Amino acid sequence: MGIGLAHMDFTPLFYGVVMFLGLWSMWHKITHGQVLGFTVEVSVFALVFMLHGGTMAGGFAAMVCALLGGSILPRTIRRNK
């Protein structure tokens, strides 16, 4: 009876958590006036998602890349000005 539970796949759960973080990050940026960070995050997500062919793995890669890009690139751009 408990044998089937040993083969649970946590990938959708992890995918959902990363998706929530991405949506929360974009919501936070747009509501706090961080237009550059929001634009970078949406642009990076769209570019990486298209490059990976729109698959679930591509969407996951795009979300992680957008989170990193949206948090790092605006700070780097502001520091260089």
PDB file of N, CA and C in Angstrom:
ATOM      1  N   MET A   1       0.806  -1.185   0.000  1.00  0.00           N
ATOM      2  CA  MET A   1       0.000   0.000   0.000  1.00  0.00           C
ATOM      3  C   MET A   1       0.860   1.263   0.000  1.00  0.00           C
ATOM      4  N   GLY A   2       1.940   1.295   0.738  1.00  0.00           N
ATOM      5  CA  GLY A   2       2.806   2.470   0.792  1.00  0.00           C
ATOM      6  C   GLY A   2       3.887   2.472  -0.257  1.00  0.00           C
ATOM      7  N   ILE A   3       3.945   1.459  -1.109  1.00  0.00           N
ATOM      8  CA  ILE A   3       5.009   1.366  -2.109  1.00  0.00           C
ATOM      9  C   ILE A   3       4.883   2.482  -3.147  1.00  0.00           C
ATOM     10  N   GLY A   4       3.672   2.813  -3.562  1.00  0.00           N
ATOM     11  CA  GLY A   4       3.459   3.836  -4.571  1.00  0.00           C
ATOM     12  C   GLY A   4       3.876   5.224  -4.119  1.00  0.00           C
ATOM     13  N   LEU A   5       3.867   5.473  -2.832  1.00  0.00           N
ATOM     14  CA  LEU A   5       4.234   6.792  -2.329  1.00  0.00           C
ATOM     15  C   LEU A   5       5.726   7.068  -2.441  1.00  0.00           C
ATOM     16  N   ALA A   6       6.520   6.034  -2.573  1.00  0.00           N
ATOM     17  CA  ALA A   6       7.967   6.215  -2.678  1.00  0.00           C
ATOM     18  C   ALA A   6       8.373   6.799  -4.024  1.00  0.00           C
ATOM     19  N   HIS A   7       7.457   6.803  -4.978  1.00  0.00           N
ATOM     20  CA  HIS A   7       7.791   7.270  -6.327  1.00  0.00           C
ATOM     21  C   HIS A   7       7.136   8.607  -6.640  1.00  0.00           C
ATOM     22  N   MET A   8       6.967   9.434  -5.638  1.00  0.00           N
ATOM     23  CA  MET A   8       6.371  10.749  -5.869  1.00  0.00           C
ATOM     24  C   MET A   8       7.364  11.644  -6.596  1.00  0.00           C
ATOM     25  N   ASP A   9       6.828  12.473  -7.457  1.00  0.00           N
ATOM     26  CA  ASP A   9       7.646  13.412  -8.209  1.00  0.00           C
ATOM     27  C   ASP A   9       7.389  14.815  -7.665  1.00  0.00           C
ATOM     28  N   PHE A  10       8.415  15.428  -7.109  1.00  0.00           N
ATOM     29  CA  PHE A  10       8.277  16.760  -6.526  1.00  0.00           C
ATOM     30  C   PHE A  10       8.580  17.871  -7.532  1.00  0.00           C
ATOM     31  N   THR A  11       8.848  17.516  -8.792  1.00  0.00           N
ATOM     32  CA  THR A  11       9.169  18.520  -9.794  1.00  0.00           C
ATOM     33  C   THR A  11       8.043  19.541  -9.982  1.00  0.00           C
ATOM     34  N   PRO A  12       6.775  19.121 -10.114  1.00  0.00           N
ATOM     35  CA  PRO A  12       5.709  20.132 -10.259  1.00  0.00           C
ATOM     36  C   PRO A  12       5.594  21.057  -9.050  1.00  0.00           C
ATOM     37  N   LEU A  13       5.830  20.543  -7.875  1.00  0.00           N
ATOM     38  CA  LEU A  13       5.792  21.383  -6.674  1.00  0.00           C
ATOM     39  C   LEU A  13       6.904  22.423  -6.710  1.00  0.00           C
ATOM     40  N   PHE A  14       8.109  21.991  -7.045  1.00  0.00           N
ATOM     41  CA  PHE A  14       9.245  22.901  -7.144  1.00  0.00           C
ATOM     42  C   PHE A  14       9.012  23.927  -8.249  1.00  0.00           C
ATOM     43  N   TYR A  15       8.460  23.469  -9.377  1.00  0.00           N
ATOM     44  CA  TYR A  15       8.133  24.345 -10.500  1.00  0.00           C
ATOM     45  C   TYR A  15       7.126  25.404 -10.052  1.00  0.00           C
ATOM     46  N   GLY A  16       6.123  24.988  -9.286  1.00  0.00           N
ATOM     47  CA  GLY A  16       5.116  25.920  -8.798  1.00  0.00           C
ATOM     48  C   GLY A  16       5.689  26.955  -7.847  1.00  0.00           C
ATOM     49  N   VAL A  17       6.605  26.535  -6.983  1.00  0.00           N
ATOM     50  CA  VAL A  17       7.232  27.476  -6.051  1.00  0.00           C
ATOM     51  C   VAL A  17       8.044  28.519  -6.810  1.00  0.00           C
ATOM     52  N   VAL A  18       8.798  28.082  -7.799  1.00  0.00           N
ATOM     53  CA  VAL A  18       9.596  29.024  -8.602  1.00  0.00           C
ATOM     54  C   VAL A  18       8.679  29.949  -9.398  1.00  0.00           C
ATOM     55  N   MET A  19       7.565  29.404  -9.905  1.00  0.00           N
ATOM     56  CA  MET A  19       6.612  30.231 -10.647  1.00  0.00           C
ATOM     57  C   MET A  19       6.003  31.291  -9.723  1.00  0.00           C
ATOM     58  N   PHE A  20       5.648  30.899  -8.509  1.00  0.00           N
ATOM     59  CA  PHE A  20       5.110  31.863  -7.541  1.00  0.00           C
ATOM     60  C   PHE A  20       6.139  32.946  -7.233  1.00  0.00           C
ATOM     61  N   LEU A  21       7.391  32.571  -7.022  1.00  0.00           N
ATOM     62  CA  LEU A  21       8.431  33.563  -6.744  1.00  0.00           C
ATOM     63  C   LEU A  21       8.588  34.541  -7.906  1.00  0.00           C
ATOM     64  N   GLY A  22       8.509  34.022  -9.123  1.00  0.00           N
ATOM     65  CA  GLY A  22       8.614  34.889 -10.298  1.00  0.00           C
ATOM     66  C   GLY A  22       7.464  35.874 -10.391  1.00  0.00           C
ATOM     67  N   LEU A  23       6.238  35.385 -10.160  1.00  0.00           N
ATOM     68  CA  LEU A  23       5.080  36.276 -10.203  1.00  0.00           C
ATOM     69  C   LEU A  23       5.110  37.290  -9.067  1.00  0.00           C
ATOM     70  N   TRP A  24       5.497  36.834  -7.878  1.00  0.00           N
ATOM     71  CA  TRP A  24       5.598  37.752  -6.742  1.00  0.00           C
ATOM     72  C   TRP A  24       6.662  38.823  -7.003  1.00  0.00           C
ATOM     73  N   SER A  25       7.777  38.406  -7.577  1.00  0.00           N
ATOM     74  CA  SER A  25       8.856  39.348  -7.867  1.00  0.00           C
ATOM     75  C   SER A  25       8.395  40.412  -8.861  1.00  0.00           C
ATOM     76  N   MET A  26       7.682  39.993  -9.903  1.00  0.00           N
ATOM     77  CA  MET A  26       7.194  40.964 -10.883  1.00  0.00           C
ATOM     78  C   MET A  26       6.144  41.882 -10.269  1.00  0.00           C
ATOM     79  N   TRP A  27       5.254  41.326  -9.455  1.00  0.00           N
ATOM     80  CA  TRP A  27       4.234  42.138  -8.783  1.00  0.00           C
ATOM     81  C   TRP A  27       4.888  43.169  -7.850  1.00  0.00           C
ATOM     82  N   HIS A  28       5.878  42.733  -7.104  1.00  0.00           N
ATOM     83  CA  HIS A  28       6.581  43.631  -6.194  1.00  0.00           C
ATOM     84  C   HIS A  28       7.262  44.761  -6.962  1.00  0.00           C
ATOM     85  N   LYS A  29       7.893  44.425  -8.065  1.00  0.00           N
ATOM     86  CA  LYS A  29       8.600  45.451  -8.842  1.00  0.00           C
ATOM     87  C   LYS A  29       7.636  46.454  -9.446  1.00  0.00           C
ATOM     88  N   ILE A  30       6.523  45.982  -9.981  1.00  0.00           N
ATOM     89  CA  ILE A  30       5.591  46.898 -10.634  1.00  0.00           C
ATOM     90  C   ILE A  30       4.853  47.767  -9.614  1.00  0.00           C
ATOM     91  N   THR A  31       4.567  47.232  -8.426  1.00  0.00           N
ATOM     92  CA  THR A  31       3.857  48.030  -7.420  1.00  0.00           C
ATOM     93  C   THR A  31       4.769  48.988  -6.662  1.00  0.00           C
ATOM     94  N   HIS A  32       6.082  48.764  -6.718  1.00  0.00           N
ATOM     95  CA  HIS A  32       7.024  49.654  -6.037  1.00  0.00           C
ATOM     96  C   HIS A  32       7.793  50.551  -7.015  1.00  0.00           C
ATOM     97  N   GLY A  33       7.325  50.622  -8.252  1.00  0.00           N
ATOM     98  CA  GLY A  33       7.907  51.537  -9.223  1.00  0.00           C
ATOM     99  C   GLY A  33       9.269  51.155  -9.760  1.00  0.00           C
ATOM    100  N   GLN A  34       9.633  49.907  -9.661  1.00  0.00           N
ATOM    101  CA  GLN A  34      10.919  49.444 -10.188  1.00  0.00           C
ATOM    102  C   GLN A  34      10.719  48.993 -11.633  1.00  0.00           C
ATOM    103  N   VAL A  35      10.528  49.977 -12.501  1.00  0.00           N
ATOM    104  CA  VAL A  35      10.184  49.709 -13.897  1.00  0.00           C
ATOM    105  C   VAL A  35      11.325  48.995 -14.623  1.00  0.00           C
ATOM    106  N   LEU A  36      12.554  49.400 -14.367  1.00  0.00           N
ATOM    107  CA  LEU A  36      13.700  48.769 -15.033  1.00  0.00           C
ATOM    108  C   LEU A  36      13.796  47.290 -14.669  1.00  0.00           C
ATOM    109  N   GLY A  37      13.679  46.969 -13.407  1.00  0.00           N
ATOM    110  CA  GLY A  37      13.744  45.581 -12.976  1.00  0.00           C
ATOM    111  C   GLY A  37      12.616  44.752 -13.569  1.00  0.00           C
ATOM    112  N   PHE A  38      11.405  45.311 -13.592  1.00  0.00           N
ATOM    113  CA  PHE A  38      10.259  44.617 -14.177  1.00  0.00           C
ATOM    114  C   PHE A  38      10.472  44.368 -15.659  1.00  0.00           C
ATOM    115  N   THR A  39      10.944  45.393 -16.368  1.00  0.00           N
ATOM    116  CA  THR A  39      11.175  45.261 -17.805  1.00  0.00           C
ATOM    117  C   THR A  39      12.240  44.215 -18.098  1.00  0.00           C
ATOM    118  N   VAL A  40      13.315  44.238 -17.333  1.00  0.00           N
ATOM    119  CA  VAL A  40      14.382  43.247 -17.524  1.00  0.00           C
ATOM    120  C   VAL A  40      13.842  41.841 -17.264  1.00  0.00           C
ATOM    121  N   GLU A  41      13.083  41.677 -16.208  1.00  0.00           N
ATOM    122  CA  GLU A  41      12.575  40.356 -15.842  1.00  0.00           C
ATOM    123  C   GLU A  41      11.632  39.799 -16.916  1.00  0.00           C
ATOM    124  N   VAL A  42      10.721  40.618 -17.388  1.00  0.00           N
ATOM    125  CA  VAL A  42       9.780  40.171 -18.419  1.00  0.00           C
ATOM    126  C   VAL A  42      10.515  39.894 -19.728  1.00  0.00           C
ATOM    127  N   SER A  43      11.449  40.749 -20.086  1.00  0.00           N
ATOM    128  CA  SER A  43      12.191  40.564 -21.340  1.00  0.00           C
ATOM    129  C   SER A  43      13.048  39.301 -21.315  1.00  0.00           C
ATOM    130  N   VAL A  44      13.740  39.087 -20.220  1.00  0.00           N
ATOM    131  CA  VAL A  44      14.584  37.890 -20.102  1.00  0.00           C
ATOM    132  C   VAL A  44      13.721  36.635 -20.136  1.00  0.00           C
ATOM    133  N   PHE A  45      12.585  36.661 -19.428  1.00  0.00           N
ATOM    134  CA  PHE A  45      11.700  35.499 -19.436  1.00  0.00           C
ATOM    135  C   PHE A  45      11.224  35.197 -20.847  1.00  0.00           C
ATOM    136  N   ALA A  46      10.745  36.216 -21.560  1.00  0.00           N
ATOM    137  CA  ALA A  46      10.226  36.006 -22.913  1.00  0.00           C
ATOM    138  C   ALA A  46      11.309  35.481 -23.851  1.00  0.00           C
ATOM    139  N   LEU A  47      12.502  36.054 -23.775  1.00  0.00           N
ATOM    140  CA  LEU A  47      13.595  35.629 -24.647  1.00  0.00           C
ATOM    141  C   LEU A  47      14.004  34.178 -24.379  1.00  0.00           C
ATOM    142  N   VAL A  48      14.235  33.844 -23.125  1.00  0.00           N
ATOM    143  CA  VAL A  48      14.681  32.486 -22.799  1.00  0.00           C
ATOM    144  C   VAL A  48      13.578  31.471 -23.078  1.00  0.00           C
ATOM    145  N   PHE A  49      12.326  31.824 -22.809  1.00  0.00           N
ATOM    146  CA  PHE A  49      11.207  30.914 -23.069  1.00  0.00           C
ATOM    147  C   PHE A  49      11.098  30.613 -24.558  1.00  0.00           C
ATOM    148  N   MET A  50      11.260  31.637 -25.391  1.00  0.00           N
ATOM    149  CA  MET A  50      11.206  31.416 -26.845  1.00  0.00           C
ATOM    150  C   MET A  50      12.399  30.592 -27.325  1.00  0.00           C
ATOM    151  N   LEU A  51      13.577  30.860 -26.775  1.00  0.00           N
ATOM    152  CA  LEU A  51      14.770  30.127 -27.193  1.00  0.00           C
ATOM    153  C   LEU A  51      14.695  28.643 -26.836  1.00  0.00           C
ATOM    154  N   HIS A  52      13.978  28.311 -25.766  1.00  0.00           N
ATOM    155  CA  HIS A  52      13.861  26.917 -25.340  1.00  0.00           C
ATOM    156  C   HIS A  52      12.635  26.228 -25.919  1.00  0.00           C
ATOM    157  N   GLY A  53      11.924  26.871 -26.814  1.00  0.00           N
ATOM    158  CA  GLY A  53      10.837  26.229 -27.526  1.00  0.00           C
ATOM    159  C   GLY A  53       9.521  26.129 -26.776  1.00  0.00           C
ATOM    160  N   GLY A  54       9.348  26.820 -25.690  1.00  0.00           N
ATOM    161  CA  GLY A  54       8.077  26.819 -24.983  1.00  0.00           C
ATOM    162  C   GLY A  54       7.769  25.561 -24.196  1.00  0.00           C
ATOM    163  N   THR A  55       8.760  24.762 -23.881  1.00  0.00           N
ATOM    164  CA  THR A  55       8.544  23.538 -23.119  1.00  0.00           C
ATOM    165  C   THR A  55       8.482  23.837 -21.628  1.00  0.00           C
ATOM    166  N   MET A  56       8.098  22.838 -20.830  1.00  0.00           N
ATOM    167  CA  MET A  56       8.053  23.028 -19.383  1.00  0.00           C
ATOM    168  C   MET A  56       9.459  23.266 -18.841  1.00  0.00           C
ATOM    169  N   ALA A  57      10.413  22.520 -19.344  1.00  0.00           N
ATOM    170  CA  ALA A  57      11.805  22.721 -18.916  1.00  0.00           C
ATOM    171  C   ALA A  57      12.291  24.103 -19.345  1.00  0.00           C
ATOM    172  N   GLY A  58      11.894  24.538 -20.520  1.00  0.00           N
ATOM    173  CA  GLY A  58      12.264  25.864 -20.993  1.00  0.00           C
ATOM    174  C   GLY A  58      11.628  26.958 -20.164  1.00  0.00           C
ATOM    175  N   GLY A  59      10.382  26.745 -19.747  1.00  0.00           N
ATOM    176  CA  GLY A  59       9.709  27.704 -18.887  1.00  0.00           C
ATOM    177  C   GLY A  59      10.373  27.810 -17.532  1.00  0.00           C
ATOM    178  N   PHE A  60      10.808  26.662 -17.008  1.00  0.00           N
ATOM    179  CA  PHE A  60      11.501  26.664 -15.722  1.00  0.00           C
ATOM    180  C   PHE A  60      12.831  27.394 -15.835  1.00  0.00           C
ATOM    181  N   ALA A  61      13.571  27.114 -16.895  1.00  0.00           N
ATOM    182  CA  ALA A  61      14.842  27.804 -17.115  1.00  0.00           C
ATOM    183  C   ALA A  61      14.615  29.297 -17.288  1.00  0.00           C
ATOM    184  N   ALA A  62      13.551  29.659 -17.993  1.00  0.00           N
ATOM    185  CA  ALA A  62      13.244  31.074 -18.209  1.00  0.00           C
ATOM    186  C   ALA A  62      12.887  31.763 -16.901  1.00  0.00           C
ATOM    187  N   MET A  63      12.135  31.083 -16.036  1.00  0.00           N
ATOM    188  CA  MET A  63      11.765  31.693 -14.756  1.00  0.00           C
ATOM    189  C   MET A  63      12.985  31.920 -13.870  1.00  0.00           C
ATOM    190  N   VAL A  64      13.853  30.934 -13.794  1.00  0.00           N
ATOM    191  CA  VAL A  64      15.055  31.081 -12.965  1.00  0.00           C
ATOM    192  C   VAL A  64      15.949  32.180 -13.519  1.00  0.00           C
ATOM    193  N   CYS A  65      16.125  32.183 -14.832  1.00  0.00           N
ATOM    194  CA  CYS A  65      16.967  33.197 -15.465  1.00  0.00           C
ATOM    195  C   CYS A  65      16.367  34.595 -15.285  1.00  0.00           C
ATOM    196  N   ALA A  66      15.045  34.717 -15.403  1.00  0.00           N
ATOM    197  CA  ALA A  66      14.397  36.018 -15.230  1.00  0.00           C
ATOM    198  C   ALA A  66      14.517  36.512 -13.791  1.00  0.00           C
ATOM    199  N   LEU A  67      14.368  35.603 -12.822  1.00  0.00           N
ATOM    200  CA  LEU A  67      14.530  36.005 -11.421  1.00  0.00           C
ATOM    201  C   LEU A  67      15.935  36.528 -11.160  1.00  0.00           C
ATOM    202  N   LEU A  68      16.922  35.816 -11.674  1.00  0.00           N
ATOM    203  CA  LEU A  68      18.309  36.257 -11.482  1.00  0.00           C
ATOM    204  C   LEU A  68      18.578  37.558 -12.223  1.00  0.00           C
ATOM    205  N   GLY A  69      18.142  37.617 -13.479  1.00  0.00           N
ATOM    206  CA  GLY A  69      18.367  38.817 -14.277  1.00  0.00           C
ATOM    207  C   GLY A  69      17.652  40.035 -13.721  1.00  0.00           C
ATOM    208  N   GLY A  70      16.418  39.843 -13.264  1.00  0.00           N
ATOM    209  CA  GLY A  70      15.643  40.951 -12.720  1.00  0.00           C
ATOM    210  C   GLY A  70      16.162  41.478 -11.401  1.00  0.00           C
ATOM    211  N   SER A  71      16.918  40.660 -10.684  1.00  0.00           N
ATOM    212  CA  SER A  71      17.453  41.130  -9.409  1.00  0.00           C
ATOM    213  C   SER A  71      18.894  41.622  -9.517  1.00  0.00           C
ATOM    214  N   ILE A  72      19.645  41.139 -10.480  1.00  0.00           N
ATOM    215  CA  ILE A  72      21.064  41.498 -10.592  1.00  0.00           C
ATOM    216  C   ILE A  72      21.311  42.613 -11.608  1.00  0.00           C
ATOM    217  N   LEU A  73      20.727  42.522 -12.797  1.00  0.00           N
ATOM    218  CA  LEU A  73      21.027  43.490 -13.858  1.00  0.00           C
ATOM    219  C   LEU A  73      20.657  44.933 -13.512  1.00  0.00           C
ATOM    220  N   PRO A  74      19.478  45.208 -12.926  1.00  0.00           N
ATOM    221  CA  PRO A  74      19.185  46.621 -12.598  1.00  0.00           C
ATOM    222  C   PRO A  74      20.182  47.214 -11.611  1.00  0.00           C
ATOM    223  N   ARG A  75      20.646  46.449 -10.640  1.00  0.00           N
ATOM    224  CA  ARG A  75      21.644  46.949  -9.684  1.00  0.00           C
ATOM    225  C   ARG A  75      22.961  47.260 -10.385  1.00  0.00           C
ATOM    226  N   THR A  76      23.337  46.409 -11.321  1.00  0.00           N
ATOM    227  CA  THR A  76      24.579  46.610 -12.066  1.00  0.00           C
ATOM    228  C   THR A  76      24.467  47.831 -12.953  1.00  0.00           C
ATOM    229  N   ILE A  77      23.334  48.014 -13.592  1.00  0.00           N
ATOM    230  CA  ILE A  77      23.147  49.165 -14.486  1.00  0.00           C
ATOM    231  C   ILE A  77      23.177  50.458 -13.681  1.00  0.00           C
ATOM    232  N   ARG A  78      22.478  50.488 -12.517  1.00  0.00           N
ATOM    233  CA  ARG A  78      22.451  51.692 -11.684  1.00  0.00           C
ATOM    234  C   ARG A  78      23.844  52.021 -11.118  1.00  0.00           C
ATOM    235  N   ARG A  79      24.621  50.998 -10.797  1.00  0.00           N
ATOM    236  CA  ARG A  79      25.948  51.215 -10.239  1.00  0.00           C
ATOM    237  C   ARG A  79      26.903  51.820 -11.266  1.00  0.00           C
ATOM    238  N   ASN A  80      26.725  51.461 -12.542  1.00  0.00           N
ATOM    239  CA  ASN A  80      27.629  51.948 -13.596  1.00  0.00           C
ATOM    240  C   ASN A  80      27.304  53.369 -14.037  1.00  0.00           C
ATOM    241  N   LYS A  81      26.137  53.906 -13.689  1.00  0.00           N
ATOM    242  CA  LYS A  81      25.781  55.260 -14.146  1.00  0.00           C
ATOM    243  C   LYS A  81      26.407  56.323 -13.316  1.00  0.00           C
TER     244      LYS A  81
END
